Amino acid sequence: MSLNVSELKVGDKFPEGVKFEYAPIQDADPTSCGVPQTYNASEEFKGKKFVIVSVPGAFTPGCQARHLPPYIENIEKLASKGVDLVIVIAFNDAWVMAAWGKVNGVTGDSKIKFMSDTKTNFSKGIGWMAGMGDRTGRYAIIVEKDGTVSYAEIEKSPREVSVSGADAVLSRL
């Protein structure tokens, strides 16, 4: 995938070749791990309206306290506005992301999926890193059923949760 931030903007199509790593949540025990697998996002997302929410790291204070909970609390509101999936990504591996989902009460049948931006390929490809080493940036992207990006915003500081938060996304749906 060869993208840069100037290529990902409102009106663009979601890129081809996007893959994440995913360990499906199969039970509530955070110490029980599924087998990580490649999730071909470009294929799996076709025909779906989805939101990608990127955080600098699972279990980190801002992500755990201020960023993730409003998405979980508002999943039905997001669904009522046509969102099929909310994908939460971070640089953490697939096992950590699955455990993070479990600790927050997310089940395997939820409309929220926790995935690893494997080696930060996606975030690097769009130029949206956190500026804190190899951590993914804090951003949100809305993609319509036809694959068109309708919202794409990154926080000016990785400590902020404004343009990437659930309220900002809900206001754009």
Protein backbone atom coordinates (compact mmCIF):
# COMPACT_ATOMS: atom_id res chain seq x y z
CA MET A 1 0.00 0.00 0.00
CA SER A 2 1.57 3.28 -1.02
CA LEU A 3 -0.50 6.18 0.30
CA ASN A 4 0.29 9.51 1.78
CA VAL A 5 -1.83 11.92 3.78
CA SER A 6 -2.55 14.11 0.76
CA GLU A 7 -4.19 11.14 -0.93
CA LEU A 8 -6.64 10.36 1.89
CA LYS A 9 -9.29 13.03 2.02
CA VAL A 10 -13.01 13.43 1.87
CA GLY A 11 -14.27 12.30 -1.53
CA ASP A 12 -11.54 9.70 -2.08
CA LYS A 13 -12.21 5.99 -2.27
CA PHE A 14 -11.01 3.72 0.53
CA PRO A 15 -7.70 2.27 -0.69
CA GLU A 16 -7.20 -1.23 -2.02
CA GLY A 17 -4.84 -3.61 -0.28
CA VAL A 18 -5.58 -2.54 3.32
CA LYS A 19 -5.05 -5.41 5.74
CA PHE A 20 -5.19 -5.53 9.51
CA GLU A 21 -4.40 -8.34 11.94
CA TYR A 22 -7.37 -9.63 13.91
CA ALA A 23 -7.88 -12.11 16.75
CA PRO A 24 -11.64 -12.72 16.85
CA ILE A 25 -13.27 -12.40 20.25
CA GLN A 26 -14.70 -15.83 20.98
CA ASP A 27 -15.28 -15.61 24.74
CA ALA A 28 -15.17 -13.04 27.56
CA ASP A 29 -11.93 -14.26 29.18
CA PRO A 30 -9.18 -11.72 28.38
CA THR A 31 -6.52 -14.36 29.12
CA SER A 32 -7.94 -16.66 26.45
CA CYS A 33 -6.57 -15.84 23.01
CA GLY A 34 -7.82 -16.66 19.57
CA VAL A 35 -5.48 -17.20 16.67
CA PRO A 36 -4.54 -13.96 14.90
CA GLN A 37 -5.45 -13.83 11.26
CA THR A 38 -5.15 -11.40 8.41
CA TYR A 39 -8.28 -9.30 7.91
CA ASN A 40 -8.52 -8.08 4.34
CA ALA A 41 -10.24 -4.79 5.16
CA SER A 42 -10.50 -3.60 1.57
CA GLU A 43 -12.52 -6.72 0.71
CA GLU A 44 -14.42 -7.20 3.98
CA PHE A 45 -15.59 -3.56 4.08
CA LYS A 46 -17.04 -3.54 0.55
CA GLY A 47 -20.69 -2.52 0.62
CA LYS A 48 -20.52 -1.52 4.29
CA LYS A 49 -20.58 1.85 5.97
CA PHE A 50 -17.79 1.81 8.52
CA VAL A 51 -15.78 3.96 10.88
CA ILE A 52 -12.10 3.43 11.56
CA VAL A 53 -11.02 4.82 14.92
CA SER A 54 -7.29 4.86 15.49
CA VAL A 55 -5.74 5.26 18.93
CA PRO A 56 -2.07 5.51 19.96
CA GLY A 57 -2.32 2.41 22.14
CA ALA A 58 -4.67 -0.05 23.81
CA PHE A 59 -5.04 0.33 27.58
CA THR A 60 -3.34 3.75 27.59
CA PRO A 61 -4.96 6.39 29.85
CA GLY A 62 -6.52 8.67 27.21
CA CYS A 63 -7.57 5.82 24.94
CA GLN A 64 -9.09 3.77 27.75
CA ALA A 65 -10.74 6.60 29.69
CA ARG A 66 -11.81 9.12 27.04
CA HIS A 67 -11.65 7.69 23.54
CA LEU A 68 -13.02 4.13 23.54
CA PRO A 69 -15.92 4.29 26.06
CA PRO A 70 -18.06 6.78 24.07
CA TYR A 71 -17.86 4.52 21.01
CA ILE A 72 -19.03 1.53 23.04
CA GLU A 73 -21.77 3.58 24.72
CA ASN A 74 -22.98 4.99 21.39
CA ILE A 75 -22.76 1.91 19.19
CA GLU A 76 -26.54 1.76 18.75
CA LYS A 77 -26.69 5.46 17.81
CA LEU A 78 -23.94 4.85 15.26
CA ALA A 79 -25.83 1.83 13.91
CA SER A 80 -29.05 3.88 13.70
CA LYS A 81 -27.17 6.28 11.40
CA GLY A 82 -26.23 3.42 9.07
CA VAL A 83 -22.84 2.38 10.44
CA ASP A 84 -22.30 -1.35 9.96
CA LEU A 85 -18.93 -1.59 11.74
CA VAL A 86 -16.65 0.43 13.98
CA ILE A 87 -13.06 -0.75 13.65
CA VAL A 88 -10.72 0.29 16.48
CA ILE A 89 -7.07 0.07 15.47
CA ALA A 90 -3.77 0.65 17.24
CA PHE A 91 -0.17 -0.42 16.81
CA ASN A 92 -0.63 -3.16 19.43
CA ASP A 93 -0.72 -6.77 18.27
CA ALA A 94 -3.98 -8.62 17.63
CA TRP A 95 -3.96 -10.41 21.01
CA VAL A 96 -3.68 -7.15 22.94
CA MET A 97 -6.43 -5.58 20.84
CA ALA A 98 -8.75 -8.56 21.45
CA ALA A 99 -8.02 -8.47 25.19
CA TRP A 100 -8.75 -4.74 25.22
CA GLY A 101 -12.12 -5.37 23.63
CA LYS A 102 -12.92 -8.12 26.13
CA VAL A 103 -11.95 -6.02 29.15
CA ASN A 104 -14.35 -3.38 27.88
CA GLY A 105 -17.22 -5.84 27.55
CA VAL A 106 -17.20 -6.16 23.76
CA THR A 107 -18.35 -9.53 22.47
CA GLY A 108 -17.62 -11.30 19.22
CA ASP A 109 -20.99 -10.39 17.73
CA SER A 110 -20.56 -6.68 18.42
CA LYS A 111 -20.48 -4.04 15.69
CA ILE A 112 -17.13 -2.96 17.20
CA LYS A 113 -14.04 -4.89 16.13
CA PHE A 114 -10.55 -4.47 17.58
CA MET A 115 -7.70 -4.87 15.12
CA SER A 116 -3.99 -4.36 14.90
CA ASP A 117 -2.61 -1.91 12.36
CA THR A 118 0.09 -4.47 11.64
CA LYS A 119 3.47 -2.77 11.71
CA THR A 120 1.42 0.47 11.41
CA ASN A 121 1.26 -0.11 7.65
CA PHE A 122 -2.09 1.64 7.23
CA SER A 123 -1.33 4.64 9.45
CA LYS A 124 2.13 5.10 7.94
CA GLY A 125 0.64 4.71 4.48
CA ILE A 126 -1.73 7.63 5.04
CA GLY A 127 0.91 9.60 6.97
CA TRP A 128 -1.05 9.60 10.22
CA MET A 129 1.29 8.52 13.00
CA ALA A 130 1.15 9.82 16.57
CA GLY A 131 4.58 11.41 16.64
CA MET A 132 5.40 9.08 19.54
CA GLY A 133 7.62 6.49 17.90
CA ASP A 134 5.79 3.78 15.99
CA ARG A 135 2.37 4.41 17.52
CA THR A 136 -0.61 5.00 15.28
CA GLY A 137 -2.11 8.48 15.27
CA ARG A 138 -5.41 9.37 16.93
CA TYR A 139 -7.88 9.78 14.09
CA ALA A 140 -11.29 8.83 12.71
CA ILE A 141 -12.38 7.98 9.18
CA ILE A 142 -15.94 7.42 7.97
CA VAL A 143 -16.37 5.43 4.75
CA GLU A 144 -19.73 5.17 2.99
CA LYS A 145 -21.18 1.95 1.52
CA ASP A 146 -19.82 2.88 -1.93
CA GLY A 147 -16.28 3.12 -0.49
CA THR A 148 -16.13 6.93 -0.50
CA VAL A 149 -14.41 8.63 2.44
CA SER A 150 -16.91 11.11 3.91
CA TYR A 151 -14.88 12.14 6.98
CA ALA A 152 -11.17 11.90 7.75
CA GLU A 153 -9.68 13.86 10.65
CA ILE A 154 -6.57 13.45 12.79
CA GLU A 155 -6.02 15.08 16.17
CA LYS A 156 -3.47 17.89 16.28
CA SER A 157 -2.09 16.33 19.47
CA PRO A 158 -2.22 12.61 20.34
CA ARG A 159 -3.49 13.62 23.79
CA GLU A 160 -6.65 15.24 22.37
CA VAL A 161 -9.93 13.49 21.70
CA SER A 162 -12.03 15.92 19.71
CA VAL A 163 -12.18 15.33 15.94
CA SER A 164 -11.68 11.58 16.42
CA GLY A 165 -14.19 11.10 19.23
CA ALA A 166 -17.60 9.46 19.02
CA ASP A 167 -19.43 12.82 19.28
CA ALA A 168 -17.50 14.26 16.32
CA VAL A 169 -18.20 11.16 14.23
CA LEU A 170 -21.89 11.10 15.18
CA SER A 171 -22.21 14.74 14.16
CA ARG A 172 -20.90 13.87 10.68
CA LEU A 173 -23.21 10.93 10.01
